[in-house]
Amino acid sequence: MADLKKNLKLIKMQRRAQALRENLRKRKAQKMVREESKNEDTSDETDNSK
């Protein structure tokens, strides 16, 4: 019985770790997209000044 509980705890921890990694990856992707759009915005401003 103790082994079963230990395994359940491990599985929960692994699932949580997996979810955290996925969230981190999504946030990094969003951050990259935001930075790219910022770069596009600044390039638009320079185009307008010409």
PDB file of N, CA and C in Angstrom:
ATOM      1  N   MET A   1       0.831  -1.214   0.000  1.00  0.00           N
ATOM      2  CA  MET A   1       0.000   0.000   0.000  1.00  0.00           C
ATOM      3  C   MET A   1       0.869   1.270   0.000  1.00  0.00           C
ATOM      4  N   ALA A   2       1.937   1.212   0.780  1.00  0.00           N
ATOM      5  CA  ALA A   2       2.828   2.375   0.843  1.00  0.00           C
ATOM      6  C   ALA A   2       3.477   2.632  -0.513  1.00  0.00           C
ATOM      7  N   ASP A   3       3.838   1.538  -1.195  1.00  0.00           N
ATOM      8  CA  ASP A   3       4.445   1.671  -2.529  1.00  0.00           C
ATOM      9  C   ASP A   3       3.475   2.339  -3.489  1.00  0.00           C
ATOM     10  N   LEU A   4       2.208   1.975  -3.381  1.00  0.00           N
ATOM     11  CA  LEU A   4       1.193   2.543  -4.266  1.00  0.00           C
ATOM     12  C   LEU A   4       1.090   4.053  -4.057  1.00  0.00           C
ATOM     13  N   LYS A   5       1.058   4.456  -2.789  1.00  0.00           N
ATOM     14  CA  LYS A   5       0.966   5.889  -2.482  1.00  0.00           C
ATOM     15  C   LYS A   5       2.208   6.618  -2.985  1.00  0.00           C
ATOM     16  N   LYS A   6       3.365   5.974  -2.819  1.00  0.00           N
ATOM     17  CA  LYS A   6       4.619   6.582  -3.265  1.00  0.00           C
ATOM     18  C   LYS A   6       4.587   6.783  -4.784  1.00  0.00           C
ATOM     19  N   ASN A   7       4.100   5.764  -5.490  1.00  0.00           N
ATOM     20  CA  ASN A   7       4.011   5.858  -6.948  1.00  0.00           C
ATOM     21  C   ASN A   7       3.048   6.951  -7.366  1.00  0.00           C
ATOM     22  N   LEU A   8       1.911   7.042  -6.681  1.00  0.00           N
ATOM     23  CA  LEU A   8       0.927   8.090  -6.999  1.00  0.00           C
ATOM     24  C   LEU A   8       1.549   9.465  -6.811  1.00  0.00           C
ATOM     25  N   LYS A   9       2.283   9.630  -5.708  1.00  0.00           N
ATOM     26  CA  LYS A   9       2.918  10.914  -5.423  1.00  0.00           C
ATOM     27  C   LYS A   9       3.921  11.262  -6.524  1.00  0.00           C
ATOM     28  N   LEU A  10       4.692  10.254  -6.941  1.00  0.00           N
ATOM     29  CA  LEU A  10       5.671  10.462  -8.012  1.00  0.00           C
ATOM     30  C   LEU A  10       4.988  10.891  -9.303  1.00  0.00           C
ATOM     31  N   ILE A  11       3.910  10.175  -9.642  1.00  0.00           N
ATOM     32  CA  ILE A  11       3.178  10.495 -10.875  1.00  0.00           C
ATOM     33  C   ILE A  11       2.644  11.920 -10.818  1.00  0.00           C
ATOM     34  N   LYS A  12       2.089  12.297  -9.681  1.00  0.00           N
ATOM     35  CA  LYS A  12       1.561  13.664  -9.534  1.00  0.00           C
ATOM     36  C   LYS A  12       2.670  14.687  -9.708  1.00  0.00           C
ATOM     37  N   MET A  13       3.816  14.415  -9.095  1.00  0.00           N
ATOM     38  CA  MET A  13       4.941  15.351  -9.196  1.00  0.00           C
ATOM     39  C   MET A  13       5.414  15.467 -10.645  1.00  0.00           C
ATOM     40  N   GLN A  14       5.480  14.319 -11.335  1.00  0.00           N
ATOM     41  CA  GLN A  14       5.929  14.336 -12.730  1.00  0.00           C
ATOM     42  C   GLN A  14       4.952  15.110 -13.597  1.00  0.00           C
ATOM     43  N   ARG A  15       3.657  14.902 -13.372  1.00  0.00           N
ATOM     44  CA  ARG A  15       2.643  15.620 -14.150  1.00  0.00           C
ATOM     45  C   ARG A  15       2.751  17.112 -13.910  1.00  0.00           C
ATOM     46  N   ARG A  16       2.962  17.490 -12.637  1.00  0.00           N
ATOM     47  CA  ARG A  16       3.072  18.902 -12.290  1.00  0.00           C
ATOM     48  C   ARG A  16       4.296  19.515 -12.952  1.00  0.00           C
ATOM     49  N   ALA A  17       5.405  18.779 -12.907  1.00  0.00           N
ATOM     50  CA  ALA A  17       6.636  19.262 -13.531  1.00  0.00           C
ATOM     51  C   ALA A  17       6.430  19.445 -15.034  1.00  0.00           C
ATOM     52  N   GLN A  18       5.747  18.481 -15.645  1.00  0.00           N
ATOM     53  CA  GLN A  18       5.474  18.553 -17.086  1.00  0.00           C
ATOM     54  C   GLN A  18       4.629  19.788 -17.400  1.00  0.00           C
ATOM     55  N   ALA A  19       3.599  20.022 -16.580  1.00  0.00           N
ATOM     56  CA  ALA A  19       2.722  21.174 -16.795  1.00  0.00           C
ATOM     57  C   ALA A  19       3.510  22.478 -16.644  1.00  0.00           C
ATOM     58  N   LEU A  20       4.381  22.526 -15.639  1.00  0.00           N
ATOM     59  CA  LEU A  20       5.182  23.735 -15.422  1.00  0.00           C
ATOM     60  C   LEU A  20       6.097  23.991 -16.613  1.00  0.00           C
ATOM     61  N   ARG A  21       6.715  22.907 -17.138  1.00  0.00           N
ATOM     62  CA  ARG A  21       7.592  23.067 -18.304  1.00  0.00           C
ATOM     63  C   ARG A  21       6.809  23.583 -19.502  1.00  0.00           C
ATOM     64  N   GLU A  22       5.607  23.035 -19.711  1.00  0.00           N
ATOM     65  CA  GLU A  22       4.795  23.474 -20.845  1.00  0.00           C
ATOM     66  C   GLU A  22       4.412  24.947 -20.703  1.00  0.00           C
ATOM     67  N   ASN A  23       4.037  25.346 -19.474  1.00  0.00           N
ATOM     68  CA  ASN A  23       3.672  26.750 -19.245  1.00  0.00           C
ATOM     69  C   ASN A  23       4.859  27.657 -19.528  1.00  0.00           C
ATOM     70  N   LEU A  24       6.032  27.233 -19.072  1.00  0.00           N
ATOM     71  CA  LEU A  24       7.241  28.029 -19.284  1.00  0.00           C
ATOM     72  C   LEU A  24       7.510  28.176 -20.776  1.00  0.00           C
ATOM     73  N   ARG A  25       7.368  27.077 -21.520  1.00  0.00           N
ATOM     74  CA  ARG A  25       7.606  27.095 -22.957  1.00  0.00           C
ATOM     75  C   ARG A  25       6.618  28.032 -23.643  1.00  0.00           C
ATOM     76  N   LYS A  26       5.359  27.992 -23.216  1.00  0.00           N
ATOM     77  CA  LYS A  26       4.335  28.862 -23.810  1.00  0.00           C
ATOM     78  C   LYS A  26       4.657  30.330 -23.525  1.00  0.00           C
ATOM     79  N   ARG A  27       5.082  30.600 -22.271  1.00  0.00           N
ATOM     80  CA  ARG A  27       5.397  31.985 -21.916  1.00  0.00           C
ATOM     81  C   ARG A  27       6.577  32.492 -22.731  1.00  0.00           C
ATOM     82  N   LYS A  28       7.596  31.627 -22.920  1.00  0.00           N
ATOM     83  CA  LYS A  28       8.756  32.031 -23.718  1.00  0.00           C
ATOM     84  C   LYS A  28       8.319  32.344 -25.137  1.00  0.00           C
ATOM     85  N   ALA A  29       7.432  31.502 -25.686  1.00  0.00           N
ATOM     86  CA  ALA A  29       6.949  31.713 -27.053  1.00  0.00           C
ATOM     87  C   ALA A  29       6.202  33.039 -27.145  1.00  0.00           C
ATOM     88  N   GLN A  30       5.349  33.315 -26.171  1.00  0.00           N
ATOM     89  CA  GLN A  30       4.594  34.577 -26.177  1.00  0.00           C
ATOM     90  C   GLN A  30       5.545  35.764 -26.080  1.00  0.00           C
ATOM     91  N   LYS A  31       6.562  35.625 -25.226  1.00  0.00           N
ATOM     92  CA  LYS A  31       7.529  36.705 -25.050  1.00  0.00           C
ATOM     93  C   LYS A  31       8.243  36.987 -26.366  1.00  0.00           C
ATOM     94  N   MET A  32       8.632  35.915 -27.063  1.00  0.00           N
ATOM     95  CA  MET A  32       9.296  36.082 -28.353  1.00  0.00           C
ATOM     96  C   MET A  32       8.380  36.776 -29.349  1.00  0.00           C
ATOM     97  N   VAL A  33       7.124  36.387 -29.360  1.00  0.00           N
ATOM     98  CA  VAL A  33       6.159  37.001 -30.286  1.00  0.00           C
ATOM     99  C   VAL A  33       6.015  38.483 -29.968  1.00  0.00           C
ATOM    100  N   ARG A  34       5.918  38.810 -28.672  1.00  0.00           N
ATOM    101  CA  ARG A  34       5.783  40.209 -28.267  1.00  0.00           C
ATOM    102  C   ARG A  34       6.999  41.012 -28.704  1.00  0.00           C
ATOM    103  N   GLU A  35       8.198  40.452 -28.494  1.00  0.00           N
ATOM    104  CA  GLU A  35       9.416  41.174 -28.870  1.00  0.00           C
ATOM    105  C   GLU A  35       9.465  41.381 -30.372  1.00  0.00           C
ATOM    106  N   GLU A  36       9.021  40.371 -31.132  1.00  0.00           N
ATOM    107  CA  GLU A  36       9.009  40.506 -32.588  1.00  0.00           C
ATOM    108  C   GLU A  36       8.045  41.612 -33.009  1.00  0.00           C
ATOM    109  N   SER A  37       6.890  41.675 -32.366  1.00  0.00           N
ATOM    110  CA  SER A  37       5.921  42.712 -32.731  1.00  0.00           C
ATOM    111  C   SER A  37       6.452  44.092 -32.325  1.00  0.00           C
ATOM    112  N   LYS A  38       7.202  44.152 -31.217  1.00  0.00           N
ATOM    113  CA  LYS A  38       7.814  45.423 -30.820  1.00  0.00           C
ATOM    114  C   LYS A  38       8.790  45.872 -31.893  1.00  0.00           C
ATOM    115  N   ASN A  39       9.599  44.937 -32.378  1.00  0.00           N
ATOM    116  CA  ASN A  39      10.573  45.262 -33.422  1.00  0.00           C
ATOM    117  C   ASN A  39       9.859  45.750 -34.672  1.00  0.00           C
ATOM    118  N   GLU A  40       8.747  45.118 -35.006  1.00  0.00           N
ATOM    119  CA  GLU A  40       7.977  45.536 -36.175  1.00  0.00           C
ATOM    120  C   GLU A  40       7.438  46.947 -35.968  1.00  0.00           C
ATOM    121  N   ASP A  41       6.965  47.232 -34.752  1.00  0.00           N
ATOM    122  CA  ASP A  41       6.428  48.563 -34.460  1.00  0.00           C
ATOM    123  C   ASP A  41       7.508  49.626 -34.638  1.00  0.00           C
ATOM    124  N   THR A  42       8.704  49.372 -34.139  1.00  0.00           N
ATOM    125  CA  THR A  42       9.765  50.363 -34.247  1.00  0.00           C
ATOM    126  C   THR A  42      10.165  50.548 -35.696  1.00  0.00           C
ATOM    127  N   SER A  43      10.160  49.470 -36.478  1.00  0.00           N
ATOM    128  CA  SER A  43      10.517  49.605 -37.891  1.00  0.00           C
ATOM    129  C   SER A  43       9.441  50.421 -38.624  1.00  0.00           C
ATOM    130  N   ASP A  44       8.188  50.274 -38.215  1.00  0.00           N
ATOM    131  CA  ASP A  44       7.112  51.068 -38.818  1.00  0.00           C
ATOM    132  C   ASP A  44       7.352  52.558 -38.551  1.00  0.00           C
ATOM    133  N   GLU A  45       7.767  52.879 -37.318  1.00  0.00           N
ATOM    134  CA  GLU A  45       7.996  54.267 -36.959  1.00  0.00           C
ATOM    135  C   GLU A  45       9.112  54.863 -37.812  1.00  0.00           C
ATOM    136  N   THR A  46      10.171  54.087 -38.021  1.00  0.00           N
ATOM    137  CA  THR A  46      11.279  54.614 -38.832  1.00  0.00           C
ATOM    138  C   THR A  46      10.822  54.800 -40.271  1.00  0.00           C
ATOM    139  N   ASP A  47       9.945  53.899 -40.758  1.00  0.00           N
ATOM    140  CA  ASP A  47       9.431  54.051 -42.124  1.00  0.00           C
ATOM    141  C   ASP A  47       8.620  55.340 -42.256  1.00  0.00           C
ATOM    142  N   ASN A  48       7.848  55.669 -41.230  1.00  0.00           N
ATOM    143  CA  ASN A  48       7.000  56.863 -41.280  1.00  0.00           C
ATOM    144  C   ASN A  48       7.839  58.142 -41.267  1.00  0.00           C
ATOM    145  N   SER A  49       8.979  58.114 -40.618  1.00  0.00           N
ATOM    146  CA  SER A  49       9.789  59.317 -40.493  1.00  0.00           C
ATOM    147  C   SER A  49      10.489  59.666 -41.794  1.00  0.00           C
ATOM    148  N   LYS A  50      10.578  58.751 -42.749  1.00  0.00           N
ATOM    149  CA  LYS A  50      11.301  59.013 -44.006  1.00  0.00           C
ATOM    150  C   LYS A  50      10.590  60.027 -44.882  1.00  0.00           C
TER     151      LYS A  50
END
